[in-house]
Amino acid sequence: MHPVFPVHSGGELWLFIVNMSPKYRDLRSNPQIALHALPTVQGGEEFHLRGDAEKIFDAEKKGQVVAATEGRQGAHPFEALFRVRIHSALHTLWENWGTAQTWPNYRKWRS
């Protein structure tokens, strides 16, 4: 598991990944990716997606995605940009979170 910086820009999902990280090396050899956001202590909602990530070399496109973060991500040369093509997504809403009656409600999507 390696941290990435997801960005939604122009109707697409993008990732900034530090080019010295194991995740960067992993994606360069195998573009498959899975992202999972766990529920917080306060709420019972989580999200999981699968897809593949393509490294983007286009400086203009990178500039557009950096602008979408208001310059907080991707402004350094060591932050590589990847476009994510989503193959499937799963959203789970946990009812009665934190009780003995906790129950998941799933919404699934496949491309």
PDB file of N, CA and C in Angstrom:
ATOM      1  N   MET A   1       0.850  -1.167   0.000  1.00  0.00           N
ATOM      2  CA  MET A   1       0.000   0.000   0.000  1.00  0.00           C
ATOM      3  C   MET A   1       0.898   1.234   0.000  1.00  0.00           C
ATOM      4  N   HIS A   2       0.605   2.123  -0.919  1.00  0.00           N
ATOM      5  CA  HIS A   2       1.394   3.333  -1.038  1.00  0.00           C
ATOM      6  C   HIS A   2       0.443   4.509  -1.234  1.00  0.00           C
ATOM      7  N   PRO A   3       0.702   5.638  -0.600  1.00  0.00           N
ATOM      8  CA  PRO A   3      -0.195   6.785  -0.761  1.00  0.00           C
ATOM      9  C   PRO A   3      -0.091   7.396  -2.157  1.00  0.00           C
ATOM     10  N   VAL A   4      -1.218   7.888  -2.638  1.00  0.00           N
ATOM     11  CA  VAL A   4      -1.283   8.617  -3.893  1.00  0.00           C
ATOM     12  C   VAL A   4      -2.139   9.857  -3.650  1.00  0.00           C
ATOM     13  N   PHE A   5      -2.114  10.787  -4.584  1.00  0.00           N
ATOM     14  CA  PHE A   5      -2.861  12.026  -4.465  1.00  0.00           C
ATOM     15  C   PHE A   5      -3.926  12.072  -5.560  1.00  0.00           C
ATOM     16  N   PRO A   6      -5.157  11.616  -5.282  1.00  0.00           N
ATOM     17  CA  PRO A   6      -6.197  11.623  -6.322  1.00  0.00           C
ATOM     18  C   PRO A   6      -6.736  13.035  -6.562  1.00  0.00           C
ATOM     19  N   VAL A   7      -7.034  13.308  -7.826  1.00  0.00           N
ATOM     20  CA  VAL A   7      -7.584  14.602  -8.231  1.00  0.00           C
ATOM     21  C   VAL A   7      -8.672  14.343  -9.260  1.00  0.00           C
ATOM     22  N   HIS A   8      -9.805  15.009  -9.103  1.00  0.00           N
ATOM     23  CA  HIS A   8     -10.868  14.954 -10.110  1.00  0.00           C
ATOM     24  C   HIS A   8     -10.770  16.248 -10.914  1.00  0.00           C
ATOM     25  N   SER A   9     -10.521  16.121 -12.204  1.00  0.00           N
ATOM     26  CA  SER A   9     -10.367  17.297 -13.059  1.00  0.00           C
ATOM     27  C   SER A   9     -10.833  16.961 -14.468  1.00  0.00           C
ATOM     28  N   GLY A  10     -11.622  17.848 -15.052  1.00  0.00           N
ATOM     29  CA  GLY A  10     -12.072  17.656 -16.427  1.00  0.00           C
ATOM     30  C   GLY A  10     -12.877  16.391 -16.619  1.00  0.00           C
ATOM     31  N   GLY A  11     -13.588  15.959 -15.589  1.00  0.00           N
ATOM     32  CA  GLY A  11     -14.402  14.759 -15.680  1.00  0.00           C
ATOM     33  C   GLY A  11     -13.611  13.460 -15.610  1.00  0.00           C
ATOM     34  N   GLU A  12     -12.337  13.550 -15.244  1.00  0.00           N
ATOM     35  CA  GLU A  12     -11.491  12.358 -15.164  1.00  0.00           C
ATOM     36  C   GLU A  12     -10.836  12.279 -13.791  1.00  0.00           C
ATOM     37  N   LEU A  13     -10.353  11.082 -13.463  1.00  0.00           N
ATOM     38  CA  LEU A  13      -9.632  10.862 -12.217  1.00  0.00           C
ATOM     39  C   LEU A  13      -8.143  10.799 -12.532  1.00  0.00           C
ATOM     40  N   TRP A  14      -7.384  11.567 -11.768  1.00  0.00           N
ATOM     41  CA  TRP A  14      -5.935  11.663 -11.968  1.00  0.00           C
ATOM     42  C   TRP A  14      -5.246  11.338 -10.659  1.00  0.00           C
ATOM     43  N   LEU A  15      -4.008  10.874 -10.751  1.00  0.00           N
ATOM     44  CA  LEU A  15      -3.197  10.614  -9.573  1.00  0.00           C
ATOM     45  C   LEU A  15      -1.850  11.297  -9.726  1.00  0.00           C
ATOM     46  N   PHE A  16      -1.415  11.946  -8.668  1.00  0.00           N
ATOM     47  CA  PHE A  16      -0.033  12.397  -8.592  1.00  0.00           C
ATOM     48  C   PHE A  16       0.697  11.397  -7.709  1.00  0.00           C
ATOM     49  N   ILE A  17       1.801  10.864  -8.233  1.00  0.00           N
ATOM     50  CA  ILE A  17       2.564   9.848  -7.521  1.00  0.00           C
ATOM     51  C   ILE A  17       4.031  10.263  -7.542  1.00  0.00           C
ATOM     52  N   VAL A  18       4.641  10.249  -6.383  1.00  0.00           N
ATOM     53  CA  VAL A  18       6.057  10.611  -6.276  1.00  0.00           C
ATOM     54  C   VAL A  18       6.882   9.585  -7.053  1.00  0.00           C
ATOM     55  N   ASN A  19       7.724  10.089  -7.953  1.00  0.00           N
ATOM     56  CA  ASN A  19       8.441   9.184  -8.865  1.00  0.00           C
ATOM     57  C   ASN A  19       9.566   8.387  -8.204  1.00  0.00           C
ATOM     58  N   MET A  20       9.794   8.579  -6.911  1.00  0.00           N
ATOM     59  CA  MET A  20      10.789   7.781  -6.177  1.00  0.00           C
ATOM     60  C   MET A  20      10.116   6.702  -5.334  1.00  0.00           C
ATOM     61  N   SER A  21       8.796   6.581  -5.438  1.00  0.00           N
ATOM     62  CA  SER A  21       8.056   5.679  -4.567  1.00  0.00           C
ATOM     63  C   SER A  21       7.907   4.277  -5.168  1.00  0.00           C
ATOM     64  N   PRO A  22       7.680   3.282  -4.309  1.00  0.00           N
ATOM     65  CA  PRO A  22       7.400   1.938  -4.822  1.00  0.00           C
ATOM     66  C   PRO A  22       6.149   1.904  -5.708  1.00  0.00           C
ATOM     67  N   LYS A  23       5.143   2.705  -5.405  1.00  0.00           N
ATOM     68  CA  LYS A  23       3.907   2.727  -6.213  1.00  0.00           C
ATOM     69  C   LYS A  23       4.225   3.157  -7.634  1.00  0.00           C
ATOM     70  N   TYR A  24       5.076   4.150  -7.795  1.00  0.00           N
ATOM     71  CA  TYR A  24       5.472   4.604  -9.128  1.00  0.00           C
ATOM     72  C   TYR A  24       6.114   3.453  -9.909  1.00  0.00           C
ATOM     73  N   ARG A  25       7.048   2.770  -9.282  1.00  0.00           N
ATOM     74  CA  ARG A  25       7.717   1.639  -9.949  1.00  0.00           C
ATOM     75  C   ARG A  25       6.712   0.536 -10.260  1.00  0.00           C
ATOM     76  N   ASP A  26       5.804   0.272  -9.331  1.00  0.00           N
ATOM     77  CA  ASP A  26       4.775  -0.752  -9.561  1.00  0.00           C
ATOM     78  C   ASP A  26       3.934  -0.419 -10.793  1.00  0.00           C
ATOM     79  N   LEU A  27       3.464   0.828 -10.875  1.00  0.00           N
ATOM     80  CA  LEU A  27       2.594   1.216 -11.985  1.00  0.00           C
ATOM     81  C   LEU A  27       3.320   1.249 -13.323  1.00  0.00           C
ATOM     82  N   ARG A  28       4.598   1.525 -13.303  1.00  0.00           N
ATOM     83  CA  ARG A  28       5.349   1.538 -14.557  1.00  0.00           C
ATOM     84  C   ARG A  28       5.504   0.113 -15.103  1.00  0.00           C
ATOM     85  N   SER A  29       5.510  -0.883 -14.210  1.00  0.00           N
ATOM     86  CA  SER A  29       5.641  -2.269 -14.678  1.00  0.00           C
ATOM     87  C   SER A  29       4.287  -2.958 -14.835  1.00  0.00           C
ATOM     88  N   ASN A  30       3.275  -2.517 -14.081  1.00  0.00           N
ATOM     89  CA  ASN A  30       1.928  -3.093 -14.157  1.00  0.00           C
ATOM     90  C   ASN A  30       0.925  -1.983 -13.864  1.00  0.00           C
ATOM     91  N   PRO A  31       0.161  -1.532 -14.848  1.00  0.00           N
ATOM     92  CA  PRO A  31      -0.697  -0.363 -14.672  1.00  0.00           C
ATOM     93  C   PRO A  31      -1.981  -0.596 -13.867  1.00  0.00           C
ATOM     94  N   GLN A  32      -2.231  -1.813 -13.406  1.00  0.00           N
ATOM     95  CA  GLN A  32      -3.465  -2.061 -12.650  1.00  0.00           C
ATOM     96  C   GLN A  32      -3.407  -1.346 -11.307  1.00  0.00           C
ATOM     97  N   ILE A  33      -4.567  -0.819 -10.907  1.00  0.00           N
ATOM     98  CA  ILE A  33      -4.613  -0.048  -9.672  1.00  0.00           C
ATOM     99  C   ILE A  33      -5.916  -0.320  -8.922  1.00  0.00           C
ATOM    100  N   ALA A  34      -5.839  -0.252  -7.613  1.00  0.00           N
ATOM    101  CA  ALA A  34      -7.021  -0.324  -6.751  1.00  0.00           C
ATOM    102  C   ALA A  34      -6.898   0.797  -5.729  1.00  0.00           C
ATOM    103  N   LEU A  35      -7.964   1.552  -5.554  1.00  0.00           N
ATOM    104  CA  LEU A  35      -8.015   2.613  -4.550  1.00  0.00           C
ATOM    105  C   LEU A  35      -9.135   2.283  -3.580  1.00  0.00           C
ATOM    106  N   HIS A  36      -8.883   2.476  -2.294  1.00  0.00           N
ATOM    107  CA  HIS A  36      -9.876   2.150  -1.287  1.00  0.00           C
ATOM    108  C   HIS A  36      -9.847   3.227  -0.212  1.00  0.00           C
ATOM    109  N   ALA A  37     -10.985   3.838   0.037  1.00  0.00           N
ATOM    110  CA  ALA A  37     -11.134   4.813   1.113  1.00  0.00           C
ATOM    111  C   ALA A  37     -12.012   4.183   2.182  1.00  0.00           C
ATOM    112  N   LEU A  38     -11.498   4.088   3.385  1.00  0.00           N
ATOM    113  CA  LEU A  38     -12.205   3.454   4.492  1.00  0.00           C
ATOM    114  C   LEU A  38     -13.135   4.434   5.201  1.00  0.00           C
ATOM    115  N   PRO A  39     -14.115   3.918   5.932  1.00  0.00           N
ATOM    116  CA  PRO A  39     -14.986   4.808   6.687  1.00  0.00           C
ATOM    117  C   PRO A  39     -14.239   5.458   7.848  1.00  0.00           C
ATOM    118  N   THR A  40     -14.682   6.645   8.198  1.00  0.00           N
ATOM    119  CA  THR A  40     -14.116   7.328   9.354  1.00  0.00           C
ATOM    120  C   THR A  40     -14.760   6.788  10.622  1.00  0.00           C
ATOM    121  N   VAL A  41     -14.249   7.183  11.754  1.00  0.00           N
ATOM    122  CA  VAL A  41     -14.828   6.770  13.030  1.00  0.00           C
ATOM    123  C   VAL A  41     -16.265   7.275  13.155  1.00  0.00           C
ATOM    124  N   GLN A  42     -16.535   8.475  12.614  1.00  0.00           N
ATOM    125  CA  GLN A  42     -17.855   9.086  12.744  1.00  0.00           C
ATOM    126  C   GLN A  42     -18.901   8.520  11.793  1.00  0.00           C
ATOM    127  N   GLY A  43     -18.482   8.005  10.648  1.00  0.00           N
ATOM    128  CA  GLY A  43     -19.482   7.607   9.664  1.00  0.00           C
ATOM    129  C   GLY A  43     -19.140   6.327   8.965  1.00  0.00           C
ATOM    130  N   GLY A  44     -20.147   5.705   8.442  1.00  0.00           N
ATOM    131  CA  GLY A  44     -19.959   4.422   7.810  1.00  0.00           C
ATOM    132  C   GLY A  44     -20.137   4.481   6.312  1.00  0.00           C
ATOM    133  N   GLU A  45     -19.150   5.006   5.636  1.00  0.00           N
ATOM    134  CA  GLU A  45     -19.199   5.071   4.186  1.00  0.00           C
ATOM    135  C   GLU A  45     -17.815   4.740   3.662  1.00  0.00           C
ATOM    136  N   GLU A  46     -17.735   3.928   2.624  1.00  0.00           N
ATOM    137  CA  GLU A  46     -16.441   3.640   2.026  1.00  0.00           C
ATOM    138  C   GLU A  46     -16.583   3.508   0.520  1.00  0.00           C
ATOM    139  N   PHE A  47     -15.434   3.592  -0.139  1.00  0.00           N
ATOM    140  CA  PHE A  47     -15.423   3.604  -1.591  1.00  0.00           C
ATOM    141  C   PHE A  47     -14.215   2.809  -2.070  1.00  0.00           C
ATOM    142  N   HIS A  48     -14.421   2.030  -3.112  1.00  0.00           N
ATOM    143  CA  HIS A  48     -13.349   1.222  -3.675  1.00  0.00           C
ATOM    144  C   HIS A  48     -13.467   1.254  -5.195  1.00  0.00           C
ATOM    145  N   LEU A  49     -12.354   1.434  -5.885  1.00  0.00           N
ATOM    146  CA  LEU A  49     -12.389   1.351  -7.339  1.00  0.00           C
ATOM    147  C   LEU A  49     -11.193   0.592  -7.855  1.00  0.00           C
ATOM    148  N   ARG A  50     -11.393   0.009  -9.043  1.00  0.00           N
ATOM    149  CA  ARG A  50     -10.333  -0.716  -9.742  1.00  0.00           C
ATOM    150  C   ARG A  50     -10.233  -0.162 -11.154  1.00  0.00           C
ATOM    151  N   GLY A  51      -9.021  -0.185 -11.664  1.00  0.00           N
ATOM    152  CA  GLY A  51      -8.809   0.278 -13.024  1.00  0.00           C
ATOM    153  C   GLY A  51      -7.360   0.140 -13.408  1.00  0.00           C
ATOM    154  N   ASP A  52      -6.958   0.960 -14.360  1.00  0.00           N
ATOM    155  CA  ASP A  52      -5.544   1.009 -14.707  1.00  0.00           C
ATOM    156  C   ASP A  52      -5.133   2.460 -14.840  1.00  0.00           C
ATOM    157  N   ALA A  53      -3.848   2.698 -14.665  1.00  0.00           N
ATOM    158  CA  ALA A  53      -3.312   4.051 -14.647  1.00  0.00           C
ATOM    159  C   ALA A  53      -2.260   4.202 -15.741  1.00  0.00           C
ATOM    160  N   GLU A  54      -2.386   5.271 -16.489  1.00  0.00           N
ATOM    161  CA  GLU A  54      -1.460   5.556 -17.598  1.00  0.00           C
ATOM    162  C   GLU A  54      -0.671   6.809 -17.256  1.00  0.00           C
ATOM    163  N   LYS A  55       0.649   6.716 -17.346  1.00  0.00           N
ATOM    164  CA  LYS A  55       1.480   7.893 -17.078  1.00  0.00           C
ATOM    165  C   LYS A  55       1.289   8.900 -18.207  1.00  0.00           C
ATOM    166  N   ILE A  56       1.110  10.154 -17.818  1.00  0.00           N
ATOM    167  CA  ILE A  56       0.891  11.240 -18.774  1.00  0.00           C
ATOM    168  C   ILE A  56       2.132  12.133 -18.795  1.00  0.00           C
ATOM    169  N   PHE A  57       2.669  12.341 -19.986  1.00  0.00           N
ATOM    170  CA  PHE A  57       3.875  13.145 -20.156  1.00  0.00           C
ATOM    171  C   PHE A  57       3.556  14.559 -20.640  1.00  0.00           C
ATOM    172  N   ASP A  58       2.315  14.817 -21.033  1.00  0.00           N
ATOM    173  CA  ASP A  58       1.895  16.092 -21.600  1.00  0.00           C
ATOM    174  C   ASP A  58       1.941  17.204 -20.542  1.00  0.00           C
ATOM    175  N   ALA A  59       2.852  18.173 -20.715  1.00  0.00           N
ATOM    176  CA  ALA A  59       3.037  19.256 -19.744  1.00  0.00           C
ATOM    177  C   ALA A  59       1.796  20.135 -19.635  1.00  0.00           C
ATOM    178  N   GLU A  60       1.098  20.353 -20.746  1.00  0.00           N
ATOM    179  CA  GLU A  60      -0.114  21.177 -20.704  1.00  0.00           C
ATOM    180  C   GLU A  60      -1.205  20.494 -19.881  1.00  0.00           C
ATOM    181  N   LYS A  61      -1.397  19.207 -20.085  1.00  0.00           N
ATOM    182  CA  LYS A  61      -2.395  18.457 -19.318  1.00  0.00           C
ATOM    183  C   LYS A  61      -2.036  18.468 -17.837  1.00  0.00           C
ATOM    184  N   LYS A  62      -0.738  18.248 -17.542  1.00  0.00           N
ATOM    185  CA  LYS A  62      -0.308  18.273 -16.139  1.00  0.00           C
ATOM    186  C   LYS A  62      -0.599  19.633 -15.526  1.00  0.00           C
ATOM    187  N   GLY A  63      -0.364  20.689 -16.272  1.00  0.00           N
ATOM    188  CA  GLY A  63      -0.658  22.034 -15.782  1.00  0.00           C
ATOM    189  C   GLY A  63      -2.132  22.223 -15.452  1.00  0.00           C
ATOM    190  N   GLN A  64      -3.011  21.656 -16.271  1.00  0.00           N
ATOM    191  CA  GLN A  64      -4.452  21.751 -16.018  1.00  0.00           C
ATOM    192  C   GLN A  64      -4.837  21.024 -14.729  1.00  0.00           C
ATOM    193  N   VAL A  65      -4.240  19.855 -14.502  1.00  0.00           N
ATOM    194  CA  VAL A  65      -4.561  19.084 -13.294  1.00  0.00           C
ATOM    195  C   VAL A  65      -3.962  19.771 -12.065  1.00  0.00           C
ATOM    196  N   VAL A  66      -2.754  20.306 -12.185  1.00  0.00           N
ATOM    197  CA  VAL A  66      -2.157  21.074 -11.081  1.00  0.00           C
ATOM    198  C   VAL A  66      -3.063  22.256 -10.743  1.00  0.00           C
ATOM    199  N   ALA A  67      -3.575  22.940 -11.756  1.00  0.00           N
ATOM    200  CA  ALA A  67      -4.471  24.077 -11.524  1.00  0.00           C
ATOM    201  C   ALA A  67      -5.743  23.653 -10.786  1.00  0.00           C
ATOM    202  N   ALA A  68      -6.228  22.442 -11.067  1.00  0.00           N
ATOM    203  CA  ALA A  68      -7.425  21.943 -10.383  1.00  0.00           C
ATOM    204  C   ALA A  68      -7.177  21.753  -8.889  1.00  0.00           C
ATOM    205  N   THR A  69      -5.912  21.585  -8.492  1.00  0.00           N
ATOM    206  CA  THR A  69      -5.574  21.442  -7.067  1.00  0.00           C
ATOM    207  C   THR A  69      -5.188  22.782  -6.455  1.00  0.00           C
ATOM    208  N   GLU A  70      -5.323  23.855  -7.240  1.00  0.00           N
ATOM    209  CA  GLU A  70      -4.893  25.197  -6.837  1.00  0.00           C
ATOM    210  C   GLU A  70      -3.415  25.204  -6.458  1.00  0.00           C
ATOM    211  N   GLY A  71      -2.639  24.390  -7.191  1.00  0.00           N
ATOM    212  CA  GLY A  71      -1.198  24.354  -7.013  1.00  0.00           C
ATOM    213  C   GLY A  71      -0.713  23.576  -5.799  1.00  0.00           C
ATOM    214  N   ARG A  72      -1.617  22.884  -5.114  1.00  0.00           N
ATOM    215  CA  ARG A  72      -1.210  22.138  -3.911  1.00  0.00           C
ATOM    216  C   ARG A  72      -0.599  20.788  -4.239  1.00  0.00           C
ATOM    217  N   GLN A  73      -0.847  20.280  -5.428  1.00  0.00           N
ATOM    218  CA  GLN A  73      -0.298  18.985  -5.824  1.00  0.00           C
ATOM    219  C   GLN A  73       0.259  19.084  -7.237  1.00  0.00           C
ATOM    220  N   GLY A  74       1.278  18.301  -7.493  1.00  0.00           N
ATOM    221  CA  GLY A  74       1.794  18.164  -8.847  1.00  0.00           C
ATOM    222  C   GLY A  74       2.714  19.252  -9.335  1.00  0.00           C
ATOM    223  N   ALA A  75       3.023  20.228  -8.513  1.00  0.00           N
ATOM    224  CA  ALA A  75       3.839  21.353  -8.964  1.00  0.00           C
ATOM    225  C   ALA A  75       5.333  21.030  -8.984  1.00  0.00           C
ATOM    226  N   HIS A  76       5.718  19.912  -8.382  1.00  0.00           N
ATOM    227  CA  HIS A  76       7.133  19.544  -8.317  1.00  0.00           C
ATOM    228  C   HIS A  76       7.478  18.534  -9.409  1.00  0.00           C
ATOM    229  N   PRO A  77       8.697  18.572  -9.915  1.00  0.00           N
ATOM    230  CA  PRO A  77       9.081  17.638 -10.986  1.00  0.00           C
ATOM    231  C   PRO A  77       9.028  16.172 -10.563  1.00  0.00           C
ATOM    232  N   PHE A  78       9.122  15.888  -9.266  1.00  0.00           N
ATOM    233  CA  PHE A  78       9.099  14.495  -8.806  1.00  0.00           C
ATOM    234  C   PHE A  78       7.682  13.945  -8.646  1.00  0.00           C
ATOM    235  N   GLU A  79       6.660  14.742  -8.918  1.00  0.00           N
ATOM    236  CA  GLU A  79       5.272  14.292  -8.841  1.00  0.00           C
ATOM    237  C   GLU A  79       4.795  13.939 -10.250  1.00  0.00           C
ATOM    238  N   ALA A  80       4.717  12.653 -10.530  1.00  0.00           N
ATOM    239  CA  ALA A  80       4.308  12.175 -11.850  1.00  0.00           C
ATOM    240  C   ALA A  80       2.786  12.131 -11.933  1.00  0.00           C
ATOM    241  N   LEU A  81       2.263  12.415 -13.109  1.00  0.00           N
ATOM    242  CA  LEU A  81       0.816  12.425 -13.341  1.00  0.00           C
ATOM    243  C   LEU A  81       0.382  11.142 -14.048  1.00  0.00           C
ATOM    244  N   PHE A  82      -0.683  10.524 -13.523  1.00  0.00           N
ATOM    245  CA  PHE A  82      -1.283   9.344 -14.127  1.00  0.00           C
ATOM    246  C   PHE A  82      -2.773   9.577 -14.322  1.00  0.00           C
ATOM    247  N   ARG A  83      -3.300   9.156 -15.461  1.00  0.00           N
ATOM    248  CA  ARG A  83      -4.742   9.170 -15.722  1.00  0.00           C
ATOM    249  C   ARG A  83      -5.282   7.789 -15.362  1.00  0.00           C
ATOM    250  N   VAL A  84      -6.385   7.753 -14.602  1.00  0.00           N
ATOM    251  CA  VAL A  84      -6.980   6.481 -14.196  1.00  0.00           C
ATOM    252  C   VAL A  84      -8.173   6.178 -15.083  1.00  0.00           C
ATOM    253  N   ARG A  85      -8.176   5.000 -15.666  1.00  0.00           N
ATOM    254  CA  ARG A  85      -9.346   4.486 -16.384  1.00  0.00           C
ATOM    255  C   ARG A  85     -10.034   3.525 -15.427  1.00  0.00           C
ATOM    256  N   ILE A  86     -11.222   3.885 -15.008  1.00  0.00           N
ATOM    257  CA  ILE A  86     -11.944   3.100 -14.002  1.00  0.00           C
ATOM    258  C   ILE A  86     -12.675   1.952 -14.680  1.00  0.00           C
ATOM    259  N   HIS A  87     -12.473   0.747 -14.149  1.00  0.00           N
ATOM    260  CA  HIS A  87     -13.147  -0.446 -14.653  1.00  0.00           C
ATOM    261  C   HIS A  87     -14.332  -0.835 -13.773  1.00  0.00           C
ATOM    262  N   SER A  88     -14.211  -0.612 -12.467  1.00  0.00           N
ATOM    263  CA  SER A  88     -15.319  -0.921 -11.566  1.00  0.00           C
ATOM    264  C   SER A  88     -15.204  -0.060 -10.314  1.00  0.00           C
ATOM    265  N   ALA A  89     -16.351   0.161  -9.690  1.00  0.00           N
ATOM    266  CA  ALA A  89     -16.398   0.940  -8.447  1.00  0.00           C
ATOM    267  C   ALA A  89     -17.424   0.321  -7.515  1.00  0.00           C
ATOM    268  N   LEU A  90     -17.152   0.451  -6.231  1.00  0.00           N
ATOM    269  CA  LEU A  90     -18.058  -0.051  -5.207  1.00  0.00           C
ATOM    270  C   LEU A  90     -18.179   1.007  -4.124  1.00  0.00           C
ATOM    271  N   HIS A  91     -19.404   1.429  -3.865  1.00  0.00           N
ATOM    272  CA  HIS A  91     -19.683   2.370  -2.780  1.00  0.00           C
ATOM    273  C   HIS A  91     -20.474   1.607  -1.724  1.00  0.00           C
ATOM    274  N   THR A  92     -20.030   1.674  -0.487  1.00  0.00           N
ATOM    275  CA  THR A  92     -20.723   0.998   0.610  1.00  0.00           C
ATOM    276  C   THR A  92     -21.183   2.042   1.615  1.00  0.00           C
ATOM    277  N   LEU A  93     -22.462   2.018   1.919  1.00  0.00           N
ATOM    278  CA  LEU A  93     -23.034   2.873   2.958  1.00  0.00           C
ATOM    279  C   LEU A  93     -23.468   1.949   4.084  1.00  0.00           C
ATOM    280  N   TRP A  94     -22.838   2.126   5.236  1.00  0.00           N
ATOM    281  CA  TRP A  94     -23.115   1.264   6.381  1.00  0.00           C
ATOM    282  C   TRP A  94     -24.233   1.866   7.217  1.00  0.00           C
ATOM    283  N   GLU A  95     -25.362   1.162   7.305  1.00  0.00           N
ATOM    284  CA  GLU A  95     -26.465   1.608   8.160  1.00  0.00           C
ATOM    285  C   GLU A  95     -26.169   1.227   9.604  1.00  0.00           C
ATOM    286  N   ASN A  96     -26.679   2.025  10.518  1.00  0.00           N
ATOM    287  CA  ASN A  96     -26.524   1.784  11.958  1.00  0.00           C
ATOM    288  C   ASN A  96     -25.054   1.607  12.347  1.00  0.00           C
ATOM    289  N   TRP A  97     -24.212   2.468  11.782  1.00  0.00           N
ATOM    290  CA  TRP A  97     -22.769   2.390  11.998  1.00  0.00           C
ATOM    291  C   TRP A  97     -22.443   2.382  13.495  1.00  0.00           C
ATOM    292  N   GLY A  98     -21.575   1.479  13.890  1.00  0.00           N
ATOM    293  CA  GLY A  98     -21.113   1.424  15.271  1.00  0.00           C
ATOM    294  C   GLY A  98     -22.044   0.701  16.228  1.00  0.00           C
ATOM    295  N   THR A  99     -23.057   0.031  15.688  1.00  0.00           N
ATOM    296  CA  THR A  99     -23.983  -0.715  16.534  1.00  0.00           C
ATOM    297  C   THR A  99     -23.940  -2.193  16.157  1.00  0.00           C
ATOM    298  N   ALA A 100     -24.620  -3.006  16.943  1.00  0.00           N
ATOM    299  CA  ALA A 100     -24.703  -4.436  16.639  1.00  0.00           C
ATOM    300  C   ALA A 100     -25.541  -4.696  15.393  1.00  0.00           C
ATOM    301  N   GLN A 101     -26.298  -3.686  14.941  1.00  0.00           N
ATOM    302  CA  GLN A 101     -27.154  -3.830  13.767  1.00  0.00           C
ATOM    303  C   GLN A 101     -26.534  -3.212  12.508  1.00  0.00           C
ATOM    304  N   THR A 102     -25.219  -3.026  12.511  1.00  0.00           N
ATOM    305  CA  THR A 102     -24.551  -2.464  11.331  1.00  0.00           C
ATOM    306  C   THR A 102     -24.815  -3.357  10.126  1.00  0.00           C
ATOM    307  N   TRP A 103     -25.193  -2.712   8.995  1.00  0.00           N
ATOM    308  CA  TRP A 103     -25.531  -3.457   7.798  1.00  0.00           C
ATOM    309  C   TRP A 103     -25.069  -2.682   6.563  1.00  0.00           C
ATOM    310  N   PRO A 104     -24.415  -3.370   5.597  1.00  0.00           N
ATOM    311  CA  PRO A 104     -23.930  -2.661   4.418  1.00  0.00           C
ATOM    312  C   PRO A 104     -24.981  -2.569   3.305  1.00  0.00           C
ATOM    313  N   ASN A 105     -25.001  -1.433   2.637  1.00  0.00           N
ATOM    314  CA  ASN A 105     -25.766  -1.248   1.400  1.00  0.00           C
ATOM    315  C   ASN A 105     -24.754  -0.930   0.316  1.00  0.00           C
ATOM    316  N   TYR A 106     -24.740  -1.760  -0.727  1.00  0.00           N
ATOM    317  CA  TYR A 106     -23.747  -1.624  -1.784  1.00  0.00           C
ATOM    318  C   TYR A 106     -24.349  -1.021  -3.046  1.00  0.00           C
ATOM    319  N   ARG A 107     -23.552  -0.197  -3.697  1.00  0.00           N
ATOM    320  CA  ARG A 107     -23.846   0.268  -5.054  1.00  0.00           C
ATOM    321  C   ARG A 107     -22.627  -0.070  -5.893  1.00  0.00           C
ATOM    322  N   LYS A 108     -22.831  -0.840  -6.960  1.00  0.00           N
ATOM    323  CA  LYS A 108     -21.733  -1.290  -7.800  1.00  0.00           C
ATOM    324  C   LYS A 108     -21.852  -0.694  -9.197  1.00  0.00           C
ATOM    325  N   TRP A 109     -20.705  -0.481  -9.806  1.00  0.00           N
ATOM    326  CA  TRP A 109     -20.666   0.014 -11.184  1.00  0.00           C
ATOM    327  C   TRP A 109     -19.522  -0.690 -11.912  1.00  0.00           C
ATOM    328  N   ARG A 110     -19.766  -1.094 -13.132  1.00  0.00           N
ATOM    329  CA  ARG A 110     -18.716  -1.670 -13.985  1.00  0.00           C
ATOM    330  C   ARG A 110     -18.741  -0.955 -15.334  1.00  0.00           C
ATOM    331  N   SER A 111     -17.555  -0.770 -15.888  1.00  0.00           N
ATOM    332  CA  SER A 111     -17.490  -0.097 -17.198  1.00  0.00           C
ATOM    333  C   SER A 111     -17.930  -1.033 -18.291  1.00  0.00           C
TER     334      SER A 111
END
